[in-house]
Every structure is written in C-alpha cells, then in structure tokens.
N, C-alpha and C. Protein backbone atom coordinates (compact mmCIF):
# COMPACT_ATOMS: atom_id res chain seq x y z
N MET A 1 103.58 97.52 144.38
CA MET A 1 104.81 96.60 144.44
C MET A 1 105.58 96.83 143.06
N SER A 2 106.86 97.08 143.24
CA SER A 2 107.68 97.24 142.02
C SER A 2 108.21 95.79 141.65
N ILE A 3 108.57 95.67 140.23
CA ILE A 3 109.15 94.41 139.80
C ILE A 3 110.19 93.89 140.68
N ILE A 4 111.06 94.74 141.25
CA ILE A 4 112.16 94.21 141.96
C ILE A 4 111.77 93.55 143.32
N ASP A 5 110.52 93.79 143.76
CA ASP A 5 109.89 93.05 144.88
C ASP A 5 109.21 91.77 144.61
N TRP A 6 109.21 91.55 143.23
CA TRP A 6 108.54 90.26 142.82
C TRP A 6 109.51 89.06 143.16
N PRO A 7 109.00 87.82 143.17
CA PRO A 7 109.85 86.68 143.28
C PRO A 7 110.83 86.60 142.21
N GLU A 8 112.00 86.24 142.35
CA GLU A 8 113.04 86.41 141.21
C GLU A 8 112.59 85.64 139.94
N ASP A 9 111.87 84.39 140.08
CA ASP A 9 111.53 83.65 138.91
C ASP A 9 110.27 84.27 138.12
N GLU A 10 109.71 85.40 138.63
CA GLU A 10 108.57 86.10 137.97
C GLU A 10 109.11 87.33 137.27
N ARG A 11 110.26 87.77 137.58
CA ARG A 11 110.78 89.06 137.02
C ARG A 11 111.10 88.76 135.54
N PRO A 12 110.55 89.64 134.62
CA PRO A 12 110.93 89.39 133.17
C PRO A 12 112.33 89.02 132.82
N ARG A 13 113.31 89.76 133.21
CA ARG A 13 114.68 89.68 132.87
C ARG A 13 115.28 88.31 133.34
N GLU A 14 115.03 88.15 134.64
CA GLU A 14 115.49 86.80 135.30
C GLU A 14 114.76 85.63 134.73
N LYS A 15 113.56 85.70 134.38
CA LYS A 15 112.80 84.70 133.82
C LYS A 15 113.28 84.33 132.37
N LEU A 16 113.70 85.42 131.64
CA LEU A 16 114.30 85.15 130.25
C LEU A 16 115.54 84.50 130.37
N LEU A 17 116.41 84.86 131.32
CA LEU A 17 117.61 84.24 131.44
C LEU A 17 117.56 82.83 131.93
N ASP A 18 116.59 82.45 132.60
CA ASP A 18 116.35 81.06 133.19
C ASP A 18 115.67 80.18 132.27
N LYS A 19 114.56 80.72 131.62
CA LYS A 19 113.71 79.86 130.88
C LYS A 19 113.70 80.22 129.43
N GLY A 20 114.38 81.19 129.03
CA GLY A 20 114.28 81.49 127.53
C GLY A 20 113.35 82.65 127.28
N ALA A 21 113.56 83.43 126.16
CA ALA A 21 112.54 84.37 125.78
C ALA A 21 111.14 84.01 125.37
N ALA A 22 111.14 82.73 125.06
CA ALA A 22 109.74 82.14 124.47
C ALA A 22 108.73 81.96 125.63
N SER A 23 109.39 81.96 127.00
CA SER A 23 108.55 81.68 128.10
C SER A 23 107.92 82.95 128.65
N LEU A 24 108.27 84.19 128.05
CA LEU A 24 107.71 85.38 128.44
C LEU A 24 106.45 85.73 127.66
N SER A 25 105.52 86.38 128.30
CA SER A 25 104.30 86.90 127.60
C SER A 25 104.62 88.11 126.81
N ASN A 26 103.80 88.65 125.98
CA ASN A 26 104.05 89.83 125.15
C ASN A 26 104.19 91.01 126.11
N ALA A 27 103.42 91.10 127.20
CA ALA A 27 103.74 92.23 128.14
C ALA A 27 104.97 92.26 128.90
N GLU A 28 105.46 90.94 129.15
CA GLU A 28 106.69 90.82 129.81
C GLU A 28 107.90 91.19 128.98
N LEU A 29 107.73 90.84 127.56
CA LEU A 29 108.72 91.14 126.62
C LEU A 29 108.85 92.61 126.46
N LEU A 30 107.75 93.28 126.32
CA LEU A 30 107.71 94.79 126.19
C LEU A 30 108.20 95.41 127.49
N ALA A 31 107.96 94.76 128.65
CA ALA A 31 108.58 95.39 129.90
C ALA A 31 110.03 95.52 130.01
N ILE A 32 110.78 94.56 129.23
CA ILE A 32 112.20 94.55 129.07
C ILE A 32 112.66 95.84 128.50
N PHE A 33 111.87 96.21 127.30
CA PHE A 33 112.23 97.44 126.64
C PHE A 33 111.82 98.77 127.36
N ILE A 34 110.60 98.52 127.95
CA ILE A 34 109.96 99.85 128.71
C ILE A 34 110.98 100.01 129.87
N GLN A 35 111.50 99.04 130.51
CA GLN A 35 112.46 99.23 131.52
C GLN A 35 112.04 99.66 132.87
N SER A 36 111.22 100.69 132.98
CA SER A 36 110.91 101.24 134.23
C SER A 36 109.34 101.53 134.25
N GLY A 37 108.72 101.52 135.40
CA GLY A 37 107.35 101.85 135.49
C GLY A 37 107.00 103.26 135.90
N THR A 38 105.81 103.52 136.20
CA THR A 38 105.45 104.84 136.74
C THR A 38 104.75 104.70 138.19
N LYS A 39 104.40 105.68 138.68
CA LYS A 39 103.80 105.63 139.99
C LYS A 39 102.56 104.67 139.96
N GLY A 40 102.55 103.75 140.76
CA GLY A 40 101.47 102.66 140.77
C GLY A 40 101.36 101.66 139.74
N LYS A 41 102.35 101.75 138.74
CA LYS A 41 102.31 100.81 137.59
C LYS A 41 103.83 100.26 137.37
N THR A 42 103.92 98.90 137.24
CA THR A 42 105.18 98.42 136.85
C THR A 42 105.31 98.43 135.34
N ALA A 43 106.50 98.13 134.88
CA ALA A 43 106.82 98.09 133.41
C ALA A 43 105.89 97.05 132.76
N VAL A 44 105.67 96.02 133.47
CA VAL A 44 104.78 94.87 132.94
C VAL A 44 103.39 95.43 132.88
N ASP A 45 102.85 96.27 133.74
CA ASP A 45 101.45 96.82 133.82
C ASP A 45 101.43 97.73 132.53
N ILE A 46 102.47 98.49 132.31
CA ILE A 46 102.44 99.35 131.31
C ILE A 46 102.35 98.68 129.86
N GLY A 47 103.19 97.49 129.81
CA GLY A 47 103.03 96.61 128.62
C GLY A 47 101.77 96.16 128.38
N ARG A 48 100.89 95.75 129.46
CA ARG A 48 99.53 95.21 129.37
C ARG A 48 98.62 96.40 128.83
N ASP A 49 98.84 97.54 129.48
CA ASP A 49 98.04 98.82 129.06
C ASP A 49 98.26 99.01 127.69
N LEU A 50 99.56 98.95 127.20
CA LEU A 50 99.81 99.13 125.72
C LEU A 50 99.15 98.22 124.86
N LEU A 51 99.29 96.98 125.25
CA LEU A 51 98.62 95.92 124.32
C LEU A 51 97.13 96.02 124.26
N SER A 52 96.56 96.39 125.48
CA SER A 52 95.07 96.43 125.57
C SER A 52 94.48 97.68 124.70
N ARG A 53 95.26 98.65 124.22
CA ARG A 53 94.78 99.62 123.44
C ARG A 53 94.77 99.29 121.96
N PHE A 54 95.43 98.22 121.62
CA PHE A 54 95.34 97.79 120.31
C PHE A 54 94.82 96.39 120.18
N LYS A 55 94.29 95.90 119.02
CA LYS A 55 93.66 94.64 119.03
C LYS A 55 94.69 93.62 118.89
N THR A 56 95.85 93.79 118.28
CA THR A 56 96.86 92.85 118.18
C THR A 56 98.23 93.42 118.45
N LEU A 57 99.14 92.45 118.69
CA LEU A 57 100.67 92.91 118.87
C LEU A 57 101.16 93.57 117.56
N ARG A 58 100.70 92.99 116.48
CA ARG A 58 101.11 93.54 115.21
C ARG A 58 100.61 94.92 115.03
N GLU A 59 99.32 95.14 115.28
CA GLU A 59 98.67 96.61 115.23
C GLU A 59 99.48 97.53 116.17
N MET A 60 99.93 97.07 117.30
CA MET A 60 100.65 97.97 118.24
C MET A 60 102.10 98.28 117.58
N LEU A 61 102.72 97.34 116.96
CA LEU A 61 103.97 97.60 116.48
C LEU A 61 103.97 98.35 115.20
N GLU A 62 102.82 98.43 114.62
CA GLU A 62 102.71 99.13 113.40
C GLU A 62 102.11 100.53 113.61
N ALA A 63 101.72 100.90 114.89
CA ALA A 63 101.17 102.10 115.12
C ALA A 63 102.21 103.31 115.19
N ASP A 64 101.76 104.40 114.85
CA ASP A 64 102.72 105.59 114.85
C ASP A 64 103.12 105.96 116.28
N ILE A 65 104.08 106.78 116.38
CA ILE A 65 104.53 107.26 117.73
C ILE A 65 103.51 108.05 118.59
N ALA A 66 102.66 108.82 117.88
CA ALA A 66 101.61 109.56 118.56
C ALA A 66 100.59 108.61 119.23
N SER A 67 100.17 107.53 118.49
CA SER A 67 99.29 106.62 119.06
C SER A 67 99.71 105.75 120.20
N VAL A 68 101.11 105.31 120.10
CA VAL A 68 101.63 104.52 121.11
C VAL A 68 101.91 105.34 122.38
N CYS A 69 102.29 106.66 122.15
CA CYS A 69 102.59 107.36 123.35
C CYS A 69 101.44 107.97 124.00
N LEU A 70 100.21 107.58 123.59
CA LEU A 70 98.87 107.88 124.37
C LEU A 70 98.96 107.01 125.60
N THR A 71 99.71 105.93 125.66
CA THR A 71 99.64 105.04 126.74
C THR A 71 100.57 105.75 127.96
N ARG A 72 99.90 105.86 129.05
CA ARG A 72 100.64 106.40 130.31
C ARG A 72 101.94 105.60 130.60
N GLY A 73 103.05 106.23 130.67
CA GLY A 73 104.26 105.49 130.84
C GLY A 73 105.10 105.36 129.63
N ILE A 74 104.57 105.61 128.47
CA ILE A 74 105.33 105.38 127.16
C ILE A 74 105.56 106.81 126.55
N GLY A 75 106.82 107.15 126.37
CA GLY A 75 107.26 108.38 125.77
C GLY A 75 107.97 108.04 124.50
N PRO A 76 108.56 109.11 123.93
CA PRO A 76 109.29 108.87 122.57
C PRO A 76 110.43 107.89 122.93
N ALA A 77 111.31 108.04 123.91
CA ALA A 77 112.43 107.26 124.19
C ALA A 77 112.15 105.70 124.20
N LYS A 78 111.00 105.41 124.99
CA LYS A 78 110.58 104.00 125.05
C LYS A 78 109.96 103.53 123.74
N TYR A 79 109.26 104.36 123.02
CA TYR A 79 108.79 104.00 121.70
C TYR A 79 109.88 103.61 120.80
N VAL A 80 111.09 104.46 120.82
CA VAL A 80 112.25 104.24 120.07
C VAL A 80 112.86 102.85 120.34
N GLN A 81 113.07 102.63 121.59
CA GLN A 81 113.51 101.23 121.97
C GLN A 81 112.74 99.94 121.41
N ILE A 82 111.43 100.15 121.50
CA ILE A 82 110.63 99.08 120.97
C ILE A 82 110.75 98.95 119.53
N ILE A 83 110.68 100.01 118.79
CA ILE A 83 110.78 100.00 117.20
C ILE A 83 112.24 99.50 116.79
N ALA A 84 113.32 99.93 117.67
CA ALA A 84 114.54 99.45 117.21
C ALA A 84 114.62 97.89 117.35
N ALA A 85 113.95 97.37 118.42
CA ALA A 85 113.97 95.85 118.55
C ALA A 85 113.32 95.25 117.37
N LEU A 86 112.18 95.86 116.97
CA LEU A 86 111.54 95.34 115.68
C LEU A 86 112.39 95.35 114.50
N GLU A 87 113.06 96.40 114.37
CA GLU A 87 113.98 96.47 113.09
C GLU A 87 115.24 95.54 113.26
N LEU A 88 115.66 95.32 114.44
CA LEU A 88 116.70 94.25 114.60
C LEU A 88 116.15 92.94 114.18
N GLY A 89 114.97 92.62 114.43
CA GLY A 89 114.21 91.38 114.13
C GLY A 89 114.20 91.21 112.54
N ARG A 90 113.80 92.24 112.02
CA ARG A 90 113.70 92.36 110.49
C ARG A 90 115.11 91.99 109.84
N ARG A 91 116.17 92.67 110.44
CA ARG A 91 117.50 92.51 109.84
C ARG A 91 118.06 91.24 110.12
N TYR A 92 117.53 90.52 111.18
CA TYR A 92 118.10 89.23 111.45
C TYR A 92 117.48 88.31 110.43
N LEU A 93 116.22 88.48 110.08
CA LEU A 93 115.53 87.69 109.05
C LEU A 93 116.15 87.92 107.68
N GLU A 94 116.64 89.04 107.38
CA GLU A 94 117.25 89.38 106.06
C GLU A 94 118.55 88.79 105.95
N GLU A 95 119.30 88.72 107.15
CA GLU A 95 120.65 88.07 107.19
C GLU A 95 120.37 86.59 106.96
N ASP A 96 119.39 86.02 107.53
CA ASP A 96 119.02 84.58 107.28
C ASP A 96 118.85 84.35 105.90
N VAL A 97 118.19 85.08 105.26
CA VAL A 97 117.85 84.99 103.81
C VAL A 97 119.30 85.08 102.89
N LYS A 98 120.06 85.91 103.34
CA LYS A 98 121.32 86.16 102.65
C LYS A 98 122.23 84.91 102.66
N ASN A 99 122.10 84.30 103.88
CA ASN A 99 123.05 83.14 104.15
C ASN A 99 122.53 81.83 103.57
N GLN A 100 121.32 81.89 102.99
CA GLN A 100 120.71 80.72 102.40
C GLN A 100 120.18 80.76 101.06
N HIS A 101 119.97 79.69 100.52
CA HIS A 101 119.40 79.70 99.09
C HIS A 101 117.85 79.92 99.18
N PRO A 102 117.42 81.14 98.57
CA PRO A 102 115.84 81.40 98.75
C PRO A 102 115.09 80.27 98.37
N LEU A 103 115.40 79.58 97.27
CA LEU A 103 114.50 78.56 96.74
C LEU A 103 114.51 77.14 97.48
N THR A 104 115.64 76.92 98.32
CA THR A 104 115.58 75.83 99.09
C THR A 104 115.33 76.19 100.49
N SER A 105 115.27 77.45 100.84
CA SER A 105 114.85 77.85 102.27
C SER A 105 113.62 78.86 102.13
N PRO A 106 112.54 78.30 101.62
CA PRO A 106 111.42 79.20 101.40
C PRO A 106 110.86 79.85 102.55
N LYS A 107 110.84 79.08 103.71
CA LYS A 107 110.27 79.68 104.95
C LYS A 107 111.11 80.98 105.29
N ALA A 108 112.50 80.98 105.27
CA ALA A 108 113.21 82.06 105.66
C ALA A 108 112.97 83.20 104.82
N THR A 109 112.78 83.10 103.43
CA THR A 109 112.44 84.10 102.57
C THR A 109 111.06 84.65 102.93
N ARG A 110 110.11 83.84 103.04
CA ARG A 110 108.76 84.23 103.23
C ARG A 110 108.68 84.98 104.63
N ASP A 111 109.35 84.40 105.66
CA ASP A 111 109.21 85.22 106.88
C ASP A 111 109.86 86.57 106.80
N PHE A 112 110.94 86.70 106.13
CA PHE A 112 111.50 87.94 105.92
C PHE A 112 110.57 88.92 105.11
N LEU A 113 109.95 88.48 104.04
CA LEU A 113 109.13 89.31 103.18
C LEU A 113 107.83 89.70 104.08
N LYS A 114 107.34 88.83 104.83
CA LYS A 114 106.22 89.23 105.80
C LYS A 114 106.67 90.29 106.70
N SER A 115 107.80 90.14 107.38
CA SER A 115 108.19 91.20 108.24
C SER A 115 108.44 92.50 107.52
N ARG A 116 108.77 92.52 106.31
CA ARG A 116 108.98 93.74 105.63
C ARG A 116 107.63 94.34 105.01
N LEU A 117 106.90 93.41 104.52
CA LEU A 117 105.83 93.99 103.62
C LEU A 117 104.52 94.10 104.24
N LEU A 118 104.20 93.27 105.19
CA LEU A 118 102.94 93.10 105.89
C LEU A 118 102.55 94.40 106.62
N PRO A 119 103.49 95.04 107.20
CA PRO A 119 103.00 96.22 108.05
C PRO A 119 102.52 97.36 107.17
N TYR A 120 102.77 97.41 105.91
CA TYR A 120 102.31 98.59 104.99
C TYR A 120 100.73 98.59 104.85
N LYS A 121 100.25 99.84 104.84
CA LYS A 121 98.88 99.90 104.62
C LYS A 121 98.60 100.18 103.20
N HIS A 122 99.62 100.32 102.30
CA HIS A 122 99.51 100.50 100.86
C HIS A 122 100.46 99.44 100.19
N GLU A 123 100.30 99.24 98.99
CA GLU A 123 101.04 98.25 98.27
C GLU A 123 102.41 98.82 98.07
N VAL A 124 103.32 97.77 98.20
CA VAL A 124 104.73 98.08 98.02
C VAL A 124 105.26 96.94 97.25
N PHE A 125 105.95 97.22 96.12
CA PHE A 125 106.49 96.30 95.15
C PHE A 125 107.99 96.16 95.41
N SER A 126 108.60 95.05 95.63
CA SER A 126 109.97 94.92 95.92
C SER A 126 110.57 93.73 95.28
N CYS A 127 111.89 93.70 95.23
CA CYS A 127 112.67 92.75 94.43
C CYS A 127 113.80 92.20 95.43
N LEU A 128 114.05 90.85 95.20
CA LEU A 128 115.10 90.29 95.78
C LEU A 128 116.11 89.93 94.71
N PHE A 129 117.17 90.68 94.59
CA PHE A 129 118.19 90.50 93.55
C PHE A 129 119.13 89.46 94.04
N MET A 130 119.50 88.37 93.12
CA MET A 130 120.29 87.36 93.45
C MET A 130 121.38 87.03 92.53
N ASP A 131 122.41 86.30 93.04
CA ASP A 131 123.60 86.06 92.04
C ASP A 131 123.25 84.73 91.42
N ASN A 132 124.31 84.12 90.57
CA ASN A 132 123.98 83.09 89.79
C ASN A 132 123.84 81.65 90.66
N ARG A 133 124.11 81.88 91.88
CA ARG A 133 123.86 80.68 92.73
C ARG A 133 122.55 80.79 93.50
N HIS A 134 121.92 81.91 93.22
CA HIS A 134 120.50 82.29 93.88
C HIS A 134 120.65 82.70 95.21
N ARG A 135 121.85 83.23 95.60
CA ARG A 135 121.85 83.80 96.94
C ARG A 135 121.63 85.36 96.83
N LEU A 136 120.93 85.77 97.91
CA LEU A 136 120.54 87.17 97.97
C LEU A 136 121.70 88.06 97.82
N ILE A 137 121.64 89.11 96.93
CA ILE A 137 122.59 90.21 96.83
C ILE A 137 122.05 91.44 97.71
N ILE A 138 120.82 91.70 97.28
CA ILE A 138 120.20 92.89 98.04
C ILE A 138 118.65 92.88 97.86
N TYR A 139 117.94 93.47 98.88
CA TYR A 139 116.48 93.48 98.82
C TYR A 139 116.13 94.92 98.69
N LYS A 140 115.26 95.25 97.70
CA LYS A 140 114.97 96.66 97.41
C LYS A 140 113.39 96.78 97.33
N GLU A 141 112.92 97.83 97.97
CA GLU A 141 111.58 98.23 97.66
C GLU A 141 111.51 99.36 96.78
N LEU A 142 110.96 99.10 95.55
CA LEU A 142 111.04 99.94 94.35
C LEU A 142 109.90 100.89 94.14
N PHE A 143 108.60 100.31 94.42
CA PHE A 143 107.46 101.15 93.97
C PHE A 143 106.44 101.07 95.08
N THR A 144 105.63 102.11 95.07
CA THR A 144 104.40 102.11 96.15
C THR A 144 103.31 102.47 95.37
N GLY A 145 102.12 102.12 95.87
CA GLY A 145 100.79 102.46 95.38
C GLY A 145 100.29 101.19 94.80
N THR A 146 99.20 101.36 93.99
CA THR A 146 98.62 100.35 93.34
C THR A 146 99.46 99.62 92.31
N ILE A 147 99.66 98.36 92.33
CA ILE A 147 100.53 97.62 91.44
C ILE A 147 99.90 97.34 90.14
N ASP A 148 100.21 98.21 89.04
CA ASP A 148 99.68 98.01 87.86
C ASP A 148 100.68 98.51 86.84
N GLY A 149 100.24 98.52 85.63
CA GLY A 149 101.16 98.92 84.51
C GLY A 149 101.66 100.31 84.66
N ALA A 150 100.89 101.25 85.44
CA ALA A 150 101.16 102.56 85.55
C ALA A 150 102.20 102.94 86.66
N SER A 151 102.36 101.94 87.56
CA SER A 151 103.06 102.22 88.75
C SER A 151 104.41 101.57 88.94
N VAL A 152 104.49 100.32 88.21
CA VAL A 152 105.75 99.53 88.14
C VAL A 152 106.53 99.67 86.82
N TYR A 153 107.67 100.21 86.78
CA TYR A 153 108.33 100.44 85.57
C TYR A 153 109.50 99.50 85.31
N PRO A 154 109.30 98.68 84.26
CA PRO A 154 110.27 97.62 83.98
C PRO A 154 111.71 98.16 83.74
N ARG A 155 111.77 99.39 83.17
CA ARG A 155 113.13 99.93 83.07
C ARG A 155 113.87 100.15 84.34
N GLU A 156 113.12 100.64 85.35
CA GLU A 156 113.83 100.76 86.70
C GLU A 156 114.20 99.38 87.22
N VAL A 157 113.46 98.32 87.02
CA VAL A 157 113.81 97.02 87.66
C VAL A 157 115.09 96.61 86.93
N VAL A 158 115.12 96.78 85.50
CA VAL A 158 116.26 96.33 84.67
C VAL A 158 117.51 97.19 85.21
N LYS A 159 117.26 98.45 85.44
CA LYS A 159 118.51 99.27 85.84
C LYS A 159 118.97 98.88 87.13
N MET A 160 118.21 98.46 88.09
CA MET A 160 118.60 98.12 89.42
C MET A 160 119.30 96.72 89.30
N ALA A 161 118.66 95.76 88.45
CA ALA A 161 119.36 94.58 88.36
C ALA A 161 120.72 94.62 87.72
N LEU A 162 120.86 95.47 86.75
CA LEU A 162 122.26 95.60 86.19
C LEU A 162 123.25 96.25 87.14
N LYS A 163 122.64 97.22 87.84
CA LYS A 163 123.58 97.83 88.92
C LYS A 163 124.13 96.92 89.87
N HIS A 164 123.42 95.97 90.31
CA HIS A 164 123.80 94.99 91.17
C HIS A 164 124.33 93.59 90.67
N ASN A 165 124.40 93.59 89.43
CA ASN A 165 124.93 92.46 88.65
C ASN A 165 124.20 91.26 89.09
N ALA A 166 122.89 91.39 89.04
CA ALA A 166 122.00 90.14 89.42
C ALA A 166 121.84 89.23 88.33
N ALA A 167 121.70 87.89 88.71
CA ALA A 167 121.49 86.94 87.57
C ALA A 167 120.10 86.42 87.71
N ALA A 168 119.46 86.68 88.77
CA ALA A 168 117.99 86.22 89.02
C ALA A 168 117.37 87.24 89.89
N VAL A 169 116.08 87.03 89.98
CA VAL A 169 115.26 88.05 90.82
C VAL A 169 113.94 87.33 91.22
N ILE A 170 113.46 87.65 92.37
CA ILE A 170 112.21 87.26 92.88
C ILE A 170 111.43 88.52 93.13
N PHE A 171 110.30 88.79 92.64
CA PHE A 171 109.41 89.90 92.94
C PHE A 171 108.60 89.60 94.07
N ALA A 172 108.16 90.49 94.79
CA ALA A 172 107.27 90.46 95.97
C ALA A 172 106.31 91.58 96.14
N HIS A 173 105.23 91.69 96.50
CA HIS A 173 104.47 92.70 96.96
C HIS A 173 103.35 92.35 97.82
N ASN A 174 102.76 93.35 98.62
CA ASN A 174 101.73 92.89 99.60
C ASN A 174 100.41 93.39 99.06
N HIS A 175 99.42 92.64 99.57
CA HIS A 175 97.90 93.21 99.40
C HIS A 175 97.43 93.52 100.71
N PRO A 176 97.24 94.88 100.95
CA PRO A 176 96.88 95.49 102.15
C PRO A 176 95.51 94.80 102.59
N SER A 177 94.71 94.38 101.69
CA SER A 177 93.33 93.79 101.97
C SER A 177 93.50 92.56 102.80
N GLY A 178 94.71 92.04 102.74
CA GLY A 178 95.10 90.61 103.50
C GLY A 178 94.90 89.45 102.46
N VAL A 179 94.23 89.59 101.27
CA VAL A 179 93.96 88.44 100.57
C VAL A 179 95.03 88.33 99.55
N ALA A 180 95.78 87.20 99.49
CA ALA A 180 97.00 87.01 98.77
C ALA A 180 96.68 86.40 97.29
N GLU A 181 95.54 86.72 96.78
CA GLU A 181 95.15 86.24 95.42
C GLU A 181 95.70 87.23 94.32
N PRO A 182 96.50 86.60 93.27
CA PRO A 182 96.84 87.54 92.13
C PRO A 182 95.85 88.13 91.36
N SER A 183 96.00 89.42 91.06
CA SER A 183 94.97 90.11 90.26
C SER A 183 95.40 90.00 88.82
N GLN A 184 94.69 90.31 87.90
CA GLN A 184 95.12 90.41 86.52
C GLN A 184 96.09 91.40 86.29
N SER A 185 96.16 92.48 87.01
CA SER A 185 97.38 93.50 87.00
C SER A 185 98.50 92.91 87.45
N ASP A 186 98.38 92.20 88.46
CA ASP A 186 99.58 91.40 89.01
C ASP A 186 100.34 90.46 88.01
N ILE A 187 99.30 89.71 87.37
CA ILE A 187 99.82 88.86 86.26
C ILE A 187 100.40 89.50 85.07
N HIS A 188 99.80 90.65 84.70
CA HIS A 188 100.21 91.39 83.60
C HIS A 188 101.56 91.95 83.77
N ILE A 189 101.69 92.65 84.89
CA ILE A 189 103.04 93.27 85.24
C ILE A 189 104.09 92.35 85.41
N THR A 190 103.86 91.18 85.88
CA THR A 190 104.97 90.07 85.98
C THR A 190 105.36 89.67 84.61
N GLN A 191 104.49 89.45 83.68
CA GLN A 191 104.80 89.19 82.45
C GLN A 191 105.70 90.17 81.71
N ARG A 192 105.28 91.49 81.86
CA ARG A 192 106.05 92.51 81.35
C ARG A 192 107.54 92.59 81.84
N LEU A 193 107.60 92.38 83.19
CA LEU A 193 108.93 92.32 83.80
C LEU A 193 109.76 91.20 83.40
N LYS A 194 109.25 90.10 83.33
CA LYS A 194 109.83 88.92 82.87
C LYS A 194 110.50 88.96 81.47
N GLU A 195 109.56 89.62 80.61
CA GLU A 195 110.09 89.83 79.24
C GLU A 195 111.18 90.78 79.07
N ALA A 196 111.16 91.88 79.93
CA ALA A 196 112.17 92.85 79.90
C ALA A 196 113.52 92.29 80.45
N LEU A 197 113.46 91.43 81.52
CA LEU A 197 114.67 90.98 82.20
C LEU A 197 115.10 89.84 81.25
N LEU A 198 114.30 89.06 80.53
CA LEU A 198 114.83 88.07 79.68
C LEU A 198 115.90 88.61 78.65
N LEU A 199 115.62 89.85 78.19
CA LEU A 199 116.51 90.47 77.21
C LEU A 199 117.99 90.69 77.72
N ILE A 200 118.16 90.72 78.93
CA ILE A 200 119.60 90.87 79.55
C ILE A 200 119.88 89.51 80.25
N ASP A 201 119.18 88.47 80.00
CA ASP A 201 119.52 87.21 80.60
C ASP A 201 119.48 87.26 82.02
N ILE A 202 118.37 87.78 82.59
CA ILE A 202 118.10 87.70 84.05
C ILE A 202 116.86 86.90 84.29
N ARG A 203 116.95 85.83 85.13
CA ARG A 203 115.75 84.93 85.31
C ARG A 203 114.85 85.34 86.41
N VAL A 204 113.59 85.37 86.11
CA VAL A 204 112.52 85.63 87.08
C VAL A 204 112.16 84.33 87.79
N LEU A 205 112.49 84.29 89.02
CA LEU A 205 112.25 82.82 89.68
C LEU A 205 110.89 82.75 90.37
N ASP A 206 110.29 83.86 90.78
CA ASP A 206 109.07 83.84 91.43
C ASP A 206 108.59 85.18 91.68
N HIS A 207 107.16 85.31 91.84
CA HIS A 207 106.58 86.47 92.28
C HIS A 207 105.75 86.15 93.54
N LEU A 208 106.01 86.70 94.75
CA LEU A 208 105.22 86.36 95.89
C LEU A 208 104.34 87.55 96.30
N ILE A 209 103.10 87.10 96.64
CA ILE A 209 102.12 88.14 97.16
C ILE A 209 102.00 87.81 98.55
N VAL A 210 102.09 88.84 99.46
CA VAL A 210 102.10 88.72 100.83
C VAL A 210 100.68 89.18 101.41
N GLY A 211 99.94 88.28 101.97
CA GLY A 211 98.72 88.42 102.68
C GLY A 211 98.79 88.35 104.06
N ASN A 212 97.62 88.53 104.78
CA ASN A 212 97.70 88.38 106.28
C ASN A 212 97.88 86.88 106.74
N GLN A 213 97.34 85.99 106.16
CA GLN A 213 97.45 84.62 106.57
C GLN A 213 98.31 83.70 105.61
N GLU A 214 98.73 84.16 104.47
CA GLU A 214 99.50 83.33 103.60
C GLU A 214 100.21 84.18 102.60
N ILE A 215 101.23 83.49 101.78
CA ILE A 215 101.91 84.13 100.88
C ILE A 215 101.62 83.24 99.52
N THR A 216 101.23 83.88 98.38
CA THR A 216 101.05 83.08 97.30
C THR A 216 102.18 83.23 96.24
N SER A 217 102.58 82.13 95.71
CA SER A 217 103.64 82.08 94.88
C SER A 217 103.20 81.83 93.39
N PHE A 218 103.65 82.69 92.59
CA PHE A 218 103.35 82.59 91.03
C PHE A 218 103.88 81.21 90.46
N ALA A 219 105.15 80.96 90.97
CA ALA A 219 105.79 79.79 90.48
C ALA A 219 104.99 78.49 90.80
N GLU A 220 104.56 78.42 91.94
CA GLU A 220 103.69 77.28 92.47
C GLU A 220 102.35 77.24 91.75
N ARG A 221 101.81 78.35 91.31
CA ARG A 221 100.67 78.40 90.70
C ARG A 221 100.71 78.18 89.14
N GLY A 222 101.93 78.06 88.59
CA GLY A 222 102.21 78.00 87.24
C GLY A 222 101.88 79.22 86.48
N LEU A 223 102.22 80.40 87.19
CA LEU A 223 101.68 81.70 86.49
C LEU A 223 102.99 82.34 85.81
N LEU A 224 104.14 81.76 85.88
CA LEU A 224 105.29 82.28 85.36
C LEU A 224 105.61 81.76 84.01
C-alpha cells in the first residue's frame, strides 16, 4: 500500500499541516524529503530503513553520501535534499544568534555552536566576532586539528577581528571525545589569544567547549 492509500491523518504531509512538525516521527519527517518510495516500500519505510542502519539520527545526518546511499531507495538526489534541510536548520540558528545578544541569549548561541561543531570528528576552533553591543557580526571556523599552541595562531585571530571591525569575541571548539572539560592546552591558548586581542582593545567574552551532552563555559568556570 502506498502512502496515498493511507488514511489522510496518517500521511506525513497532511499530518504535519494538521498537527505540526513536532507530531511526526523521525521516519515520517525523512519521508517528506525522500518524497517517493520504491516497489514494496513507502517513503516512510525507507526512512525507517535509513534510521535502522545508524545508531542515532545524528549519526545518520553526519554520515557521508556513500554510507547513506547504501539504503535501498536513497540516491544522491534524496541525500542532497536531506542535507540541504540540515543546512537550513543550521542557518536558522545562526540567524537567531545574529538577531540576539549572545550573552543574554546563551541558549541560542549554544544551540548554534552545537549544530556547527558537534558533527566534526576532529577538533575545530571557531570564533564569533561581535560588535560593541555584543551582536554577532560573523561566525568563522579558523583552525582544525588538535587545539594547542602549534595549531591556533593568535595573529590570524587578530587579523580576522580587525578585518570585521570586531569589538569582542567568543571562542568555541569541540571535543570529539564528547567530554567538554578544558585541557591545559585549551586554557593556555585562550590566555595567549586574550593577551593578543587585548593589545588592540578587543574583549574576549568567553570560550565555549562543545561536548556531546554539555557545553562548558570558561567564563562560568572563572578561567578567563
């Protein structure tokens, strides 16, 4: 039986319009992007098959095209539609941060950073450059690899801050291990960056470490 033969209140699109997106299961949401099924399988069935191949929704969304397309009924075109929806979500969160004060809307800032940094399997060091009212000017991912003195260059951070006429900055990076505890290297490079930016009157407001379950704030820990 195809989805069109289902009762109207069970079809993903109609259900979303009637009850809202939150009422749909992960498989039903995926079905909206998958759009069509294959012989013997509806788009919802393919969504379920796709989710069953991965441990979590996050793992599925972070998988490469080759892994995702191993699922029968998923080809490059459908993979692109799903990833495009994910990117729209990330841009929505970035827009939310830009329209708010990062220090008075920490949830929006943290949700955005999680969406950007959590998927990486390696460490990525990023900066949120802000104006004198602490509104986001631009988000930049500047360095990759192990975050230590050899891989994060203060002069590059200073150059980028000057380029965007920033008055303040928040640093952020992920810990692929999932544990959001600051290392000695994290503390050391933060102090180096803070000292370099102080010379050009740019304030360091925080350094956030993104882990699987939490985000650790240097400011809250008294490490700045």
